[in-house]
Amino acid sequence: MLGVAWGGSFSLSKIALEGGGHPLAINWMVSLVSTVLLTLYVLIARRKVPTDRNHLYVYFICGALGTAIPGVLYFYALRVVSPGILAIMMATIPIMTYVVAIMRGLELKSMRRLVGVFLGVISVMLLIVPNESLPERAAVLWVVVMLLATACYAAENIILASRVPAKSNAYVILWGMSVASTLMMTPFVLGTGTFFVMEIPWSREDWAIFALSVIGVLCYGSFVLLILRAGPVFASQTAYIITISGVGWGILIFNDRHSLWVWASLLVMLGALALVTPKNIEGNQ
């Protein structure tokens, strides 16, 4: 359920951009609406929000790595690439999570999983090297930029798994991250003059922004919950479904047509995920 809904968010993001809104402002608005929704939850459920030094660190660092930075990069990228390409790139998150975990000594090296990392690199190369892969060569730069965004998500996964107590309320943690990301982006939105409000009656783009916020709250909260309960590597395997459904939603909504190189990249990426996935999930937590 998380994967199917989250996969649809790429197409919703594309719709949100149709009105000509600035990527920074749209990402800020999504974060702001998410903060409002999560604030209602915290108040109605009377949840206590931890404000110790460790949690404040998590809120601001993960707010930057999980929303502020990658969100803006993805909205910029979607002005050039299709939702399906973005969905394929999302599949690099578990691969990068494993690489970051190795670098921090949280995971042991495995030849099978290292081969999966290598296949992930090949998958990306299939997108950016052939001239016929993408509709226009300008998209190549944004495929590379999306790798930076997925690296942010991977780092966030590790921080959440290592710094947040397992019994924490996922939506309270998400509230702190959402507040932090909104606060961090606000000066940039005001400074660039890209600020806007969602005027009633809402346009198609406004409804897309609201839907993105709802999906973000529900799916992101569920994802954080998976990280806290099952570990970052297991949680990141939702990328399988996110990737496949993201490509599917793009075809359904925008009638996307992909080259054979893109389909080859998708198949290789799914193979990479299969190899990176631990054989014994519970034994790796």
C-alpha atoms as a PDB file:
ATOM      1  CA  MET A   1       0.000   0.000   0.000  1.00  0.00           C
ATOM      2  CA  LEU A   2       2.829   2.385   0.872  1.00  0.00           C
ATOM      3  CA  GLY A   3       4.634   1.630  -2.388  1.00  0.00           C
ATOM      4  CA  VAL A   4       1.604   2.063  -4.651  1.00  0.00           C
ATOM      5  CA  ALA A   5       0.581   5.348  -3.032  1.00  0.00           C
ATOM      6  CA  TRP A   6       4.102   6.739  -2.896  1.00  0.00           C
ATOM      7  CA  GLY A   7       4.710   5.708  -6.495  1.00  0.00           C
ATOM      8  CA  GLY A   8       1.798   7.912  -7.485  1.00  0.00           C
ATOM      9  CA  SER A   9       3.388  10.929  -5.817  1.00  0.00           C
ATOM     10  CA  PHE A  10       5.793  11.417  -8.753  1.00  0.00           C
ATOM     11  CA  SER A  11       2.909  11.969 -11.151  1.00  0.00           C
ATOM     12  CA  LEU A  12       1.183  14.239  -8.620  1.00  0.00           C
ATOM     13  CA  SER A  13       4.396  16.261  -8.380  1.00  0.00           C
ATOM     14  CA  LYS A  14       4.386  16.643 -12.152  1.00  0.00           C
ATOM     15  CA  ILE A  15       0.795  17.908 -11.980  1.00  0.00           C
ATOM     16  CA  ALA A  16       1.713  20.362  -9.202  1.00  0.00           C
ATOM     17  CA  LEU A  17       4.314  21.887 -11.528  1.00  0.00           C
ATOM     18  CA  GLU A  18       1.894  22.378 -14.425  1.00  0.00           C
ATOM     19  CA  GLY A  19       0.812  25.790 -13.169  1.00  0.00           C
ATOM     20  CA  GLY A  20       4.341  27.141 -13.500  1.00  0.00           C
ATOM     21  CA  GLY A  21       5.068  27.199  -9.776  1.00  0.00           C
ATOM     22  CA  HIS A  22       8.671  27.356  -8.579  1.00  0.00           C
ATOM     23  CA  PRO A  23      10.070  23.994  -7.344  1.00  0.00           C
ATOM     24  CA  LEU A  24      11.303  25.569  -4.099  1.00  0.00           C
ATOM     25  CA  ALA A  25       7.934  27.154  -3.346  1.00  0.00           C
ATOM     26  CA  ILE A  26       5.970  24.000  -4.181  1.00  0.00           C
ATOM     27  CA  ASN A  27       8.209  21.855  -1.982  1.00  0.00           C
ATOM     28  CA  TRP A  28       7.830  24.420   0.818  1.00  0.00           C
ATOM     29  CA  MET A  29       4.034  24.415   0.469  1.00  0.00           C
ATOM     30  CA  VAL A  30       3.902  20.602   0.569  1.00  0.00           C
ATOM     31  CA  SER A  31       6.039  20.684   3.713  1.00  0.00           C
ATOM     32  CA  LEU A  32       3.868  23.416   5.258  1.00  0.00           C
ATOM     33  CA  VAL A  33       0.584  21.568   4.625  1.00  0.00           C
ATOM     34  CA  SER A  34       2.164  18.371   5.965  1.00  0.00           C
ATOM     35  CA  THR A  35       3.180  20.261   9.108  1.00  0.00           C
ATOM     36  CA  VAL A  36      -0.383  21.491   9.612  1.00  0.00           C
ATOM     37  CA  LEU A  37      -1.794  17.969   9.223  1.00  0.00           C
ATOM     38  CA  LEU A  38       0.778  16.491  11.616  1.00  0.00           C
ATOM     39  CA  THR A  39       0.207  19.294  14.134  1.00  0.00           C
ATOM     40  CA  LEU A  40      -3.490  18.392  14.211  1.00  0.00           C
ATOM     41  CA  TYR A  41      -2.531  14.773  14.894  1.00  0.00           C
ATOM     42  CA  VAL A  42      -0.120  15.712  17.694  1.00  0.00           C
ATOM     43  CA  LEU A  43      -2.722  17.973  19.345  1.00  0.00           C
ATOM     44  CA  ILE A  44      -5.723  15.655  18.966  1.00  0.00           C
ATOM     45  CA  ALA A  45      -3.795  12.540  20.037  1.00  0.00           C
ATOM     46  CA  ARG A  46      -2.063  14.548  22.794  1.00  0.00           C
ATOM     47  CA  ARG A  47       1.325  13.221  21.833  1.00  0.00           C
ATOM     48  CA  LYS A  48       4.382  14.447  23.689  1.00  0.00           C
ATOM     49  CA  VAL A  49       7.084  15.820  21.404  1.00  0.00           C
ATOM     50  CA  PRO A  50      10.638  15.030  22.600  1.00  0.00           C
ATOM     51  CA  THR A  51      12.837  18.129  22.530  1.00  0.00           C
ATOM     52  CA  ASP A  52      16.125  16.804  23.875  1.00  0.00           C
ATOM     53  CA  ARG A  53      19.358  17.443  21.997  1.00  0.00           C
ATOM     54  CA  ASN A  54      19.303  14.103  20.157  1.00  0.00           C
ATOM     55  CA  HIS A  55      15.758  14.560  18.859  1.00  0.00           C
ATOM     56  CA  LEU A  56      16.396  18.164  17.792  1.00  0.00           C
ATOM     57  CA  TYR A  57      19.404  16.880  15.847  1.00  0.00           C
ATOM     58  CA  VAL A  58      17.205  14.279  14.150  1.00  0.00           C
ATOM     59  CA  TYR A  59      14.469  16.814  13.337  1.00  0.00           C
ATOM     60  CA  PHE A  60      16.765  19.286  11.610  1.00  0.00           C
ATOM     61  CA  ILE A  61      19.275  16.964   9.957  1.00  0.00           C
ATOM     62  CA  CYS A  62      16.617  14.530   8.713  1.00  0.00           C
ATOM     63  CA  GLY A  63      14.324  17.423   7.824  1.00  0.00           C
ATOM     64  CA  ALA A  64      17.048  18.670   5.512  1.00  0.00           C
ATOM     65  CA  LEU A  65      18.070  15.252   4.164  1.00  0.00           C
ATOM     66  CA  GLY A  66      14.546  13.858   3.863  1.00  0.00           C
ATOM     67  CA  THR A  67      12.493  16.814   2.623  1.00  0.00           C
ATOM     68  CA  ALA A  68      14.172  20.169   2.066  1.00  0.00           C
ATOM     69  CA  ILE A  69      17.099  19.154  -0.160  1.00  0.00           C
ATOM     70  CA  PRO A  70      15.835  16.114  -2.117  1.00  0.00           C
ATOM     71  CA  GLY A  71      12.315  17.505  -2.478  1.00  0.00           C
ATOM     72  CA  VAL A  72      13.520  20.663  -4.220  1.00  0.00           C
ATOM     73  CA  LEU A  73      15.882  18.649  -6.437  1.00  0.00           C
ATOM     74  CA  TYR A  74      13.097  16.275  -7.484  1.00  0.00           C
ATOM     75  CA  PHE A  75      10.707  19.100  -8.367  1.00  0.00           C
ATOM     76  CA  TYR A  76      13.428  20.707 -10.469  1.00  0.00           C
ATOM     77  CA  ALA A  77      14.140  17.360 -12.154  1.00  0.00           C
ATOM     78  CA  LEU A  78      10.478  16.710 -12.942  1.00  0.00           C
ATOM     79  CA  ARG A  79      10.413  19.785 -15.161  1.00  0.00           C
ATOM     80  CA  VAL A  80      12.656  17.804 -17.536  1.00  0.00           C
ATOM     81  CA  VAL A  81      12.306  14.077 -16.799  1.00  0.00           C
ATOM     82  CA  SER A  82       9.200  11.889 -16.651  1.00  0.00           C
ATOM     83  CA  PRO A  83       7.718  10.463 -13.418  1.00  0.00           C
ATOM     84  CA  GLY A  84       8.808   6.986 -14.562  1.00  0.00           C
ATOM     85  CA  ILE A  85      12.483   7.976 -14.731  1.00  0.00           C
ATOM     86  CA  LEU A  86      12.194   9.521 -11.280  1.00  0.00           C
ATOM     87  CA  ALA A  87      10.651   6.292  -9.999  1.00  0.00           C
ATOM     88  CA  ILE A  88      13.565   4.254 -11.358  1.00  0.00           C
ATOM     89  CA  MET A  89      16.041   6.565  -9.656  1.00  0.00           C
ATOM     90  CA  MET A  90      14.194   6.126  -6.352  1.00  0.00           C
ATOM     91  CA  ALA A  91      15.225   2.478  -6.485  1.00  0.00           C
ATOM     92  CA  THR A  92      18.814   3.546  -5.835  1.00  0.00           C
ATOM     93  CA  ILE A  93      17.870   4.491  -2.253  1.00  0.00           C
ATOM     94  CA  PRO A  94      18.216   0.963  -0.757  1.00  0.00           C
ATOM     95  CA  ILE A  95      21.424   0.479  -2.734  1.00  0.00           C
ATOM     96  CA  MET A  96      22.876   3.709  -1.383  1.00  0.00           C
ATOM     97  CA  THR A  97      21.551   2.876   2.081  1.00  0.00           C
ATOM     98  CA  TYR A  98      23.603  -0.312   1.990  1.00  0.00           C
ATOM     99  CA  VAL A  99      26.702   1.574   0.790  1.00  0.00           C
ATOM    100  CA  VAL A 100      26.354   4.174   3.551  1.00  0.00           C
ATOM    101  CA  ALA A 101      25.762   1.407   6.111  1.00  0.00           C
ATOM    102  CA  ILE A 102      29.021  -0.285   5.033  1.00  0.00           C
ATOM    103  CA  MET A 103      30.911   3.005   5.312  1.00  0.00           C
ATOM    104  CA  ARG A 104      29.605   3.478   8.854  1.00  0.00           C
ATOM    105  CA  GLY A 105      30.299  -0.115   9.849  1.00  0.00           C
ATOM    106  CA  LEU A 106      26.616  -0.970  10.283  1.00  0.00           C
ATOM    107  CA  GLU A 107      26.575  -3.661   7.584  1.00  0.00           C
ATOM    108  CA  LEU A 108      29.084  -6.345   6.612  1.00  0.00           C
ATOM    109  CA  LYS A 109      30.434  -6.537   3.073  1.00  0.00           C
ATOM    110  CA  SER A 110      28.820  -9.229   0.947  1.00  0.00           C
ATOM    111  CA  MET A 111      29.929 -10.171  -2.566  1.00  0.00           C
ATOM    112  CA  ARG A 112      26.339 -10.804  -3.634  1.00  0.00           C
ATOM    113  CA  ARG A 113      25.187  -7.433  -2.382  1.00  0.00           C
ATOM    114  CA  LEU A 114      28.219  -5.655  -3.832  1.00  0.00           C
ATOM    115  CA  VAL A 115      27.298  -7.146  -7.217  1.00  0.00           C
ATOM    116  CA  GLY A 116      23.858  -5.605  -6.647  1.00  0.00           C
ATOM    117  CA  VAL A 117      25.504  -2.218  -6.130  1.00  0.00           C
ATOM    118  CA  PHE A 118      27.425  -2.725  -9.382  1.00  0.00           C
ATOM    119  CA  LEU A 119      24.196  -3.550 -11.224  1.00  0.00           C
ATOM    120  CA  GLY A 120      22.664  -0.387  -9.808  1.00  0.00           C
ATOM    121  CA  VAL A 121      25.499   1.590 -11.379  1.00  0.00           C
ATOM    122  CA  ILE A 122      24.905  -0.188 -14.715  1.00  0.00           C
ATOM    123  CA  SER A 123      21.199   0.652 -14.503  1.00  0.00           C
ATOM    124  CA  VAL A 124      21.971   4.348 -14.126  1.00  0.00           C
ATOM    125  CA  MET A 125      24.497   4.172 -16.977  1.00  0.00           C
ATOM    126  CA  LEU A 126      21.807   2.690 -19.223  1.00  0.00           C
ATOM    127  CA  LEU A 127      19.831   5.881 -18.634  1.00  0.00           C
ATOM    128  CA  ILE A 128      22.553   8.450 -19.172  1.00  0.00           C
ATOM    129  CA  VAL A 129      25.001   6.973 -21.712  1.00  0.00           C
ATOM    130  CA  PRO A 130      22.923   5.973 -24.807  1.00  0.00           C
ATOM    131  CA  ASN A 131      21.794   8.957 -26.849  1.00  0.00           C
ATOM    132  CA  GLU A 132      18.414   7.301 -27.496  1.00  0.00           C
ATOM    133  CA  SER A 133      17.680   6.506 -23.829  1.00  0.00           C
ATOM    134  CA  LEU A 134      16.064   9.782 -22.762  1.00  0.00           C
ATOM    135  CA  PRO A 135      13.870  12.090 -24.896  1.00  0.00           C
ATOM    136  CA  GLU A 136      16.408  14.922 -24.577  1.00  0.00           C
ATOM    137  CA  ARG A 137      20.048  15.001 -23.486  1.00  0.00           C
ATOM    138  CA  ALA A 138      19.364  17.814 -21.024  1.00  0.00           C
ATOM    139  CA  ALA A 139      17.674  15.182 -18.845  1.00  0.00           C
ATOM    140  CA  VAL A 140      21.018  13.439 -18.266  1.00  0.00           C
ATOM    141  CA  LEU A 141      22.162  16.181 -15.889  1.00  0.00           C
ATOM    142  CA  TRP A 142      19.003  15.786 -13.825  1.00  0.00           C
ATOM    143  CA  VAL A 143      19.415  12.023 -13.613  1.00  0.00           C
ATOM    144  CA  VAL A 144      22.814  12.699 -12.025  1.00  0.00           C
ATOM    145  CA  VAL A 145      21.278  15.328  -9.730  1.00  0.00           C
ATOM    146  CA  MET A 146      18.672  12.787  -8.629  1.00  0.00           C
ATOM    147  CA  LEU A 147      21.510  10.554  -7.431  1.00  0.00           C
ATOM    148  CA  LEU A 148      22.433  13.325  -4.988  1.00  0.00           C
ATOM    149  CA  ALA A 149      18.825  13.398  -3.789  1.00  0.00           C
ATOM    150  CA  THR A 150      18.708   9.619  -3.252  1.00  0.00           C
ATOM    151  CA  ALA A 151      22.020   9.843  -1.371  1.00  0.00           C
ATOM    152  CA  CYS A 152      20.311  12.288   1.002  1.00  0.00           C
ATOM    153  CA  TYR A 153      17.500   9.790   1.591  1.00  0.00           C
ATOM    154  CA  ALA A 154      20.016   7.005   2.237  1.00  0.00           C
ATOM    155  CA  ALA A 155      21.858   9.102   4.831  1.00  0.00           C
ATOM    156  CA  GLU A 156      18.533   9.987   6.441  1.00  0.00           C
ATOM    157  CA  ASN A 157      17.605   6.285   6.699  1.00  0.00           C
ATOM    158  CA  ILE A 158      20.804   5.518   8.585  1.00  0.00           C
ATOM    159  CA  ILE A 159      20.417   8.476  10.951  1.00  0.00           C
ATOM    160  CA  LEU A 160      16.823   7.573  11.774  1.00  0.00           C
ATOM    161  CA  ALA A 161      17.784   3.969  12.458  1.00  0.00           C
ATOM    162  CA  SER A 162      20.765   4.871  14.638  1.00  0.00           C
ATOM    163  CA  ARG A 163      19.515   7.969  16.499  1.00  0.00           C
ATOM    164  CA  VAL A 164      15.785   7.396  17.094  1.00  0.00           C
ATOM    165  CA  PRO A 165      14.620   4.967  19.829  1.00  0.00           C
ATOM    166  CA  ALA A 166      12.737   1.974  18.388  1.00  0.00           C
ATOM    167  CA  LYS A 167       9.581   2.664  20.420  1.00  0.00           C
ATOM    168  CA  SER A 168       9.284   6.272  19.267  1.00  0.00           C
ATOM    169  CA  ASN A 169       6.062   7.442  17.637  1.00  0.00           C
ATOM    170  CA  ALA A 170       6.865   7.680  13.920  1.00  0.00           C
ATOM    171  CA  TYR A 171       4.415  10.521  13.283  1.00  0.00           C
ATOM    172  CA  VAL A 172       5.781  12.618  16.139  1.00  0.00           C
ATOM    173  CA  ILE A 173       9.272  12.202  14.680  1.00  0.00           C
ATOM    174  CA  LEU A 174       7.886  13.113  11.272  1.00  0.00           C
ATOM    175  CA  TRP A 175       6.210  16.207  12.787  1.00  0.00           C
ATOM    176  CA  GLY A 176       9.556  17.424  14.073  1.00  0.00           C
ATOM    177  CA  MET A 177      11.205  16.795  10.702  1.00  0.00           C
ATOM    178  CA  SER A 178       8.371  18.542   8.858  1.00  0.00           C
ATOM    179  CA  VAL A 179       8.493  21.612  11.106  1.00  0.00           C
ATOM    180  CA  ALA A 180      12.272  21.783  10.717  1.00  0.00           C
ATOM    181  CA  SER A 181      12.197  21.469   6.919  1.00  0.00           C
ATOM    182  CA  THR A 182       9.489  24.146   6.645  1.00  0.00           C
ATOM    183  CA  LEU A 183      11.460  26.537   8.843  1.00  0.00           C
ATOM    184  CA  MET A 184      14.654  25.922   6.868  1.00  0.00           C
ATOM    185  CA  MET A 185      13.013  26.582   3.501  1.00  0.00           C
ATOM    186  CA  THR A 186      10.966  29.640   4.546  1.00  0.00           C
ATOM    187  CA  PRO A 187      13.810  32.227   4.324  1.00  0.00           C
ATOM    188  CA  PHE A 188      14.733  30.956   0.847  1.00  0.00           C
ATOM    189  CA  VAL A 189      11.131  31.117  -0.371  1.00  0.00           C
ATOM    190  CA  LEU A 190      10.714  34.676   0.945  1.00  0.00           C
ATOM    191  CA  GLY A 191      14.158  35.732  -0.270  1.00  0.00           C
ATOM    192  CA  THR A 192      13.569  34.493  -3.815  1.00  0.00           C
ATOM    193  CA  GLY A 193      10.087  35.992  -4.056  1.00  0.00           C
ATOM    194  CA  THR A 194       8.552  32.615  -4.923  1.00  0.00           C
ATOM    195  CA  PHE A 195       6.062  32.607  -2.022  1.00  0.00           C
ATOM    196  CA  PHE A 196       2.442  31.823  -2.941  1.00  0.00           C
ATOM    197  CA  VAL A 197      -0.819  30.863  -1.253  1.00  0.00           C
ATOM    198  CA  MET A 198      -3.390  28.238  -2.220  1.00  0.00           C
ATOM    199  CA  GLU A 199      -6.439  30.380  -2.989  1.00  0.00           C
ATOM    200  CA  ILE A 200      -9.992  29.004  -2.844  1.00  0.00           C
ATOM    201  CA  PRO A 201     -11.314  27.497  -5.047  1.00  0.00           C
ATOM    202  CA  TRP A 202      -8.286  25.270  -5.371  1.00  0.00           C
ATOM    203  CA  SER A 203      -6.865  24.660  -8.792  1.00  0.00           C
ATOM    204  CA  ARG A 204      -5.780  21.276 -10.140  1.00  0.00           C
ATOM    205  CA  GLU A 205      -2.239  22.115  -9.028  1.00  0.00           C
ATOM    206  CA  ASP A 206      -3.398  23.042  -5.505  1.00  0.00           C
ATOM    207  CA  TRP A 207      -5.253  19.751  -5.127  1.00  0.00           C
ATOM    208  CA  ALA A 208      -2.118  17.942  -6.270  1.00  0.00           C
ATOM    209  CA  ILE A 209      -0.099  19.743  -3.577  1.00  0.00           C
ATOM    210  CA  PHE A 210      -2.661  18.794  -0.915  1.00  0.00           C
ATOM    211  CA  ALA A 211      -2.679  15.167  -2.097  1.00  0.00           C
ATOM    212  CA  LEU A 212       1.115  15.120  -2.005  1.00  0.00           C
ATOM    213  CA  SER A 213       0.997  16.349   1.587  1.00  0.00           C
ATOM    214  CA  VAL A 214      -1.507  13.684   2.666  1.00  0.00           C
ATOM    215  CA  ILE A 215       0.409  10.914   0.892  1.00  0.00           C
ATOM    216  CA  GLY A 216       3.662  12.254   2.293  1.00  0.00           C
ATOM    217  CA  VAL A 217       2.348  12.194   5.861  1.00  0.00           C
ATOM    218  CA  LEU A 218       0.821   8.719   5.625  1.00  0.00           C
ATOM    219  CA  CYS A 219       3.564   7.086   3.568  1.00  0.00           C
ATOM    220  CA  TYR A 220       6.525   8.842   5.142  1.00  0.00           C
ATOM    221  CA  GLY A 221       5.162   8.097   8.604  1.00  0.00           C
ATOM    222  CA  SER A 222       4.703   4.450   7.671  1.00  0.00           C
ATOM    223  CA  PHE A 223       8.209   4.385   6.219  1.00  0.00           C
ATOM    224  CA  VAL A 224       9.729   5.837   9.404  1.00  0.00           C
ATOM    225  CA  LEU A 225       7.724   3.281  11.360  1.00  0.00           C
ATOM    226  CA  LEU A 226       9.213   0.492   9.224  1.00  0.00           C
ATOM    227  CA  ILE A 227      12.713   1.831   9.813  1.00  0.00           C
ATOM    228  CA  LEU A 228      12.195   1.927  13.579  1.00  0.00           C
ATOM    229  CA  ARG A 229      10.567  -1.512  13.747  1.00  0.00           C
ATOM    230  CA  ALA A 230      12.385  -3.475  11.011  1.00  0.00           C
ATOM    231  CA  GLY A 231      15.558  -1.526  10.192  1.00  0.00           C
ATOM    232  CA  PRO A 232      16.620   0.756   7.324  1.00  0.00           C
ATOM    233  CA  VAL A 233      17.603  -1.948   4.813  1.00  0.00           C
ATOM    234  CA  PHE A 234      14.298  -3.790   5.148  1.00  0.00           C
ATOM    235  CA  ALA A 235      12.264  -0.579   5.026  1.00  0.00           C
ATOM    236  CA  SER A 236      14.068   0.598   1.908  1.00  0.00           C
ATOM    237  CA  GLN A 237      12.828  -2.486   0.027  1.00  0.00           C
ATOM    238  CA  THR A 238       9.550  -0.639  -0.496  1.00  0.00           C
ATOM    239  CA  ALA A 239      11.506   0.825  -3.421  1.00  0.00           C
ATOM    240  CA  TYR A 240      10.513  -2.281  -5.438  1.00  0.00           C
ATOM    241  CA  ILE A 241       6.855  -1.333  -5.391  1.00  0.00           C
ATOM    242  CA  ILE A 242       7.474   2.416  -5.497  1.00  0.00           C
ATOM    243  CA  THR A 243       9.531   2.013  -8.663  1.00  0.00           C
ATOM    244  CA  ILE A 244       7.131  -0.283 -10.501  1.00  0.00           C
ATOM    245  CA  SER A 245       4.018   1.669  -9.504  1.00  0.00           C
ATOM    246  CA  GLY A 246       5.740   4.986 -10.245  1.00  0.00           C
ATOM    247  CA  VAL A 247       6.412   3.878 -13.813  1.00  0.00           C
ATOM    248  CA  GLY A 248       2.862   2.536 -14.070  1.00  0.00           C
ATOM    249  CA  TRP A 249       1.234   5.748 -12.770  1.00  0.00           C
ATOM    250  CA  GLY A 250       3.278   7.782 -15.276  1.00  0.00           C
ATOM    251  CA  ILE A 251       2.014   5.643 -18.145  1.00  0.00           C
ATOM    252  CA  LEU A 252      -1.573   5.779 -16.870  1.00  0.00           C
ATOM    253  CA  ILE A 253      -1.732   9.530 -16.172  1.00  0.00           C
ATOM    254  CA  PHE A 254       0.706  11.057 -18.664  1.00  0.00           C
ATOM    255  CA  ASN A 255       0.767   8.322 -21.291  1.00  0.00           C
ATOM    256  CA  ASP A 256       4.541   8.077 -20.854  1.00  0.00           C
ATOM    257  CA  ARG A 257       6.417   6.201 -23.565  1.00  0.00           C
ATOM    258  CA  HIS A 258       9.865   4.899 -22.655  1.00  0.00           C
ATOM    259  CA  SER A 259      12.729   3.716 -24.841  1.00  0.00           C
ATOM    260  CA  LEU A 260      14.078   0.164 -24.704  1.00  0.00           C
ATOM    261  CA  TRP A 261      17.069   1.549 -22.781  1.00  0.00           C
ATOM    262  CA  VAL A 262      14.775   2.778 -20.020  1.00  0.00           C
ATOM    263  CA  TRP A 263      13.009  -0.587 -19.758  1.00  0.00           C
ATOM    264  CA  ALA A 264      16.402  -2.298 -19.658  1.00  0.00           C
ATOM    265  CA  SER A 265      17.455   0.088 -16.895  1.00  0.00           C
ATOM    266  CA  LEU A 266      14.319  -0.784 -14.931  1.00  0.00           C
ATOM    267  CA  LEU A 267      14.937  -4.537 -15.205  1.00  0.00           C
ATOM    268  CA  VAL A 268      18.599  -4.208 -14.222  1.00  0.00           C
ATOM    269  CA  MET A 269      17.644  -1.975 -11.276  1.00  0.00           C
ATOM    270  CA  LEU A 270      15.114  -4.525 -10.012  1.00  0.00           C
ATOM    271  CA  GLY A 271      17.835  -7.165 -10.284  1.00  0.00           C
ATOM    272  CA  ALA A 272      20.155  -4.908  -8.290  1.00  0.00           C
ATOM    273  CA  LEU A 273      17.538  -4.562  -5.568  1.00  0.00           C
ATOM    274  CA  ALA A 274      17.071  -8.335  -5.433  1.00  0.00           C
ATOM    275  CA  LEU A 275      20.798  -8.800  -4.807  1.00  0.00           C
ATOM    276  CA  VAL A 276      21.135  -5.991  -2.281  1.00  0.00           C
ATOM    277  CA  THR A 277      18.192  -7.308  -0.239  1.00  0.00           C
ATOM    278  CA  PRO A 278      19.497  -9.426   2.671  1.00  0.00           C
ATOM    279  CA  LYS A 279      18.624 -13.131   2.292  1.00  0.00           C
ATOM    280  CA  ASN A 280      17.708 -13.258   5.967  1.00  0.00           C
ATOM    281  CA  ILE A 281      16.060  -9.939   6.781  1.00  0.00           C
ATOM    282  CA  GLU A 282      15.625 -10.635  10.487  1.00  0.00           C
ATOM    283  CA  GLY A 283      19.223 -11.730  10.787  1.00  0.00           C
ATOM    284  CA  ASN A 284      20.353  -8.348   9.523  1.00  0.00           C
ATOM    285  CA  GLN A 285      18.455  -6.191  11.977  1.00  0.00           C
END
